[in-house]
């Protein structure tokens, strides 16, 4: 399986506060979002400024990663890349958005 088969992207540089629903809405312009999540500190619940977005179609994920990488957003610059999948700990220290 190569990067063109990956359906998930990692996005960093997210502004605080931002929730998973907002991340999902940001990415929806590139295609159907299955799930978006924002990583959070398990003790405090504070967002760590990065998250994951899973798309229904691999080509959409690749297009989203390329479009979002370097994009100015709410006073910052996003970084994005395609990944095999989000960590299995989704739901433990994350804000899952559906």
C-alpha atoms as a PDB file:
ATOM      1  CA  UNK A   1       0.000   0.000   0.000  1.00  0.00           C
ATOM      2  CA  UNK A   2       1.425   3.388  -1.002  1.00  0.00           C
ATOM      3  CA  UNK A   3       0.649   6.955   0.023  1.00  0.00           C
ATOM      4  CA  UNK A   4      -1.952   7.178  -2.757  1.00  0.00           C
ATOM      5  CA  UNK A   5      -3.960   4.525  -0.863  1.00  0.00           C
ATOM      6  CA  UNK A   6      -4.039   6.380   2.462  1.00  0.00           C
ATOM      7  CA  UNK A   7      -7.411   7.798   3.513  1.00  0.00           C
ATOM      8  CA  UNK A   8      -6.222   9.695   6.606  1.00  0.00           C
ATOM      9  CA  UNK A   9      -4.339  12.951   6.977  1.00  0.00           C
ATOM     10  CA  UNK A  10      -2.468  14.433   9.933  1.00  0.00           C
ATOM     11  CA  UNK A  11      -2.994  18.186  10.343  1.00  0.00           C
ATOM     12  CA  UNK A  12      -0.919  20.367  12.686  1.00  0.00           C
ATOM     13  CA  UNK A  13      -0.818  24.076  13.386  1.00  0.00           C
ATOM     14  CA  UNK A  14      -4.483  24.073  14.352  1.00  0.00           C
ATOM     15  CA  UNK A  15      -5.599  27.146  16.280  1.00  0.00           C
ATOM     16  CA  UNK A  16      -6.769  26.893  19.868  1.00  0.00           C
ATOM     17  CA  UNK A  17      -9.588  26.656  20.499  1.00  0.00           C
ATOM     18  CA  UNK A  18     -10.698  24.462  17.623  1.00  0.00           C
ATOM     19  CA  UNK A  19     -12.889  21.407  17.855  1.00  0.00           C
ATOM     20  CA  UNK A  20     -13.256  18.321  15.697  1.00  0.00           C
ATOM     21  CA  UNK A  21     -16.424  19.603  14.067  1.00  0.00           C
ATOM     22  CA  UNK A  22     -14.608  22.707  12.834  1.00  0.00           C
ATOM     23  CA  UNK A  23     -11.745  20.540  11.523  1.00  0.00           C
ATOM     24  CA  UNK A  24     -14.253  18.360   9.713  1.00  0.00           C
ATOM     25  CA  UNK A  25     -15.911  21.426   8.166  1.00  0.00           C
ATOM     26  CA  UNK A  26     -12.519  22.800   7.080  1.00  0.00           C
ATOM     27  CA  UNK A  27     -11.759  19.531   5.275  1.00  0.00           C
ATOM     28  CA  UNK A  28     -15.217  18.873   3.864  1.00  0.00           C
ATOM     29  CA  UNK A  29     -14.523  21.107   0.856  1.00  0.00           C
ATOM     30  CA  UNK A  30     -12.098  18.436  -0.398  1.00  0.00           C
ATOM     31  CA  UNK A  31     -14.513  15.501  -0.102  1.00  0.00           C
ATOM     32  CA  UNK A  32     -16.512  13.276   2.229  1.00  0.00           C
ATOM     33  CA  UNK A  33     -15.079  13.218   5.750  1.00  0.00           C
ATOM     34  CA  UNK A  34     -15.623   9.969   7.664  1.00  0.00           C
ATOM     35  CA  UNK A  35     -14.287  11.255  10.993  1.00  0.00           C
ATOM     36  CA  UNK A  36     -12.115  14.077  12.315  1.00  0.00           C
ATOM     37  CA  UNK A  37     -10.440  14.222  15.701  1.00  0.00           C
ATOM     38  CA  UNK A  38      -8.391  16.731  17.671  1.00  0.00           C
ATOM     39  CA  UNK A  39      -5.736  15.385  20.038  1.00  0.00           C
ATOM     40  CA  UNK A  40      -6.117  16.628  23.596  1.00  0.00           C
ATOM     41  CA  UNK A  41      -4.156  16.354  26.807  1.00  0.00           C
ATOM     42  CA  UNK A  42      -5.803  13.507  28.773  1.00  0.00           C
ATOM     43  CA  UNK A  43      -5.303  15.296  32.100  1.00  0.00           C
ATOM     44  CA  UNK A  44      -6.393  18.826  31.229  1.00  0.00           C
ATOM     45  CA  UNK A  45      -8.448  18.357  28.072  1.00  0.00           C
ATOM     46  CA  UNK A  46      -6.483  21.177  26.411  1.00  0.00           C
ATOM     47  CA  UNK A  47      -6.028  20.754  22.652  1.00  0.00           C
ATOM     48  CA  UNK A  48      -2.511  19.991  21.440  1.00  0.00           C
ATOM     49  CA  UNK A  49      -2.962  21.794  18.111  1.00  0.00           C
ATOM     50  CA  UNK A  50      -3.053  18.766  15.840  1.00  0.00           C
ATOM     51  CA  UNK A  51      -5.537  16.192  14.681  1.00  0.00           C
ATOM     52  CA  UNK A  52      -6.529  13.580  12.135  1.00  0.00           C
ATOM     53  CA  UNK A  53      -9.090  13.486   9.356  1.00  0.00           C
ATOM     54  CA  UNK A  54     -10.219  10.313   7.636  1.00  0.00           C
ATOM     55  CA  UNK A  55     -11.761  10.655   4.185  1.00  0.00           C
ATOM     56  CA  UNK A  56     -13.989   8.193   2.344  1.00  0.00           C
ATOM     57  CA  UNK A  57     -11.686   8.129  -0.708  1.00  0.00           C
ATOM     58  CA  UNK A  58      -7.857   8.002  -0.750  1.00  0.00           C
ATOM     59  CA  UNK A  59      -7.540  10.507  -3.607  1.00  0.00           C
ATOM     60  CA  UNK A  60      -9.501  13.014  -1.554  1.00  0.00           C
ATOM     61  CA  UNK A  61      -7.132  12.620   1.397  1.00  0.00           C
ATOM     62  CA  UNK A  62      -4.105  13.226  -0.802  1.00  0.00           C
ATOM     63  CA  UNK A  63      -5.703  16.294  -2.395  1.00  0.00           C
ATOM     64  CA  UNK A  64      -6.672  17.677   1.028  1.00  0.00           C
ATOM     65  CA  UNK A  65      -3.165  17.164   2.442  1.00  0.00           C
ATOM     66  CA  UNK A  66      -1.589  18.935  -0.525  1.00  0.00           C
ATOM     67  CA  UNK A  67      -4.083  21.808  -0.356  1.00  0.00           C
ATOM     68  CA  UNK A  68      -3.927  22.310   3.412  1.00  0.00           C
ATOM     69  CA  UNK A  69      -0.141  22.088   3.756  1.00  0.00           C
ATOM     70  CA  UNK A  70       1.171  25.638   4.071  1.00  0.00           C
ATOM     71  CA  UNK A  71      -2.311  27.159   4.102  1.00  0.00           C
ATOM     72  CA  UNK A  72      -2.789  30.242   6.275  1.00  0.00           C
ATOM     73  CA  UNK A  73      -5.637  29.654   8.691  1.00  0.00           C
ATOM     74  CA  UNK A  74      -6.788  31.816  11.608  1.00  0.00           C
ATOM     75  CA  UNK A  75      -3.462  33.587  11.988  1.00  0.00           C
ATOM     76  CA  UNK A  76      -1.283  30.497  11.637  1.00  0.00           C
ATOM     77  CA  UNK A  77       0.022  28.131   8.999  1.00  0.00           C
ATOM     78  CA  UNK A  78      -1.201  24.554   8.731  1.00  0.00           C
ATOM     79  CA  UNK A  79       0.961  21.533   8.009  1.00  0.00           C
ATOM     80  CA  UNK A  80      -0.662  18.398   6.601  1.00  0.00           C
ATOM     81  CA  UNK A  81       0.411  15.026   5.284  1.00  0.00           C
ATOM     82  CA  UNK A  82      -1.163  11.725   4.324  1.00  0.00           C
ATOM     83  CA  UNK A  83      -0.711   8.912   6.820  1.00  0.00           C
ATOM     84  CA  UNK A  84      -1.610   5.229   6.900  1.00  0.00           C
ATOM     85  CA  UNK A  85      -4.143   5.723   9.698  1.00  0.00           C
ATOM     86  CA  UNK A  86      -4.733   7.628  12.931  1.00  0.00           C
ATOM     87  CA  UNK A  87      -3.417   6.103  16.159  1.00  0.00           C
ATOM     88  CA  UNK A  88      -5.621   3.476  17.788  1.00  0.00           C
ATOM     89  CA  UNK A  89      -6.082   5.654  20.859  1.00  0.00           C
ATOM     90  CA  UNK A  90      -8.880   7.685  19.269  1.00  0.00           C
ATOM     91  CA  UNK A  91     -11.306   8.362  22.053  1.00  0.00           C
ATOM     92  CA  UNK A  92      -8.528   8.583  24.660  1.00  0.00           C
ATOM     93  CA  UNK A  93      -7.443  12.197  24.839  1.00  0.00           C
ATOM     94  CA  UNK A  94      -9.124  13.237  21.617  1.00  0.00           C
ATOM     95  CA  UNK A  95     -12.158  15.233  20.598  1.00  0.00           C
ATOM     96  CA  UNK A  96     -13.811  12.933  18.041  1.00  0.00           C
ATOM     97  CA  UNK A  97     -15.963  14.808  15.562  1.00  0.00           C
ATOM     98  CA  UNK A  98     -18.508  13.093  13.398  1.00  0.00           C
END
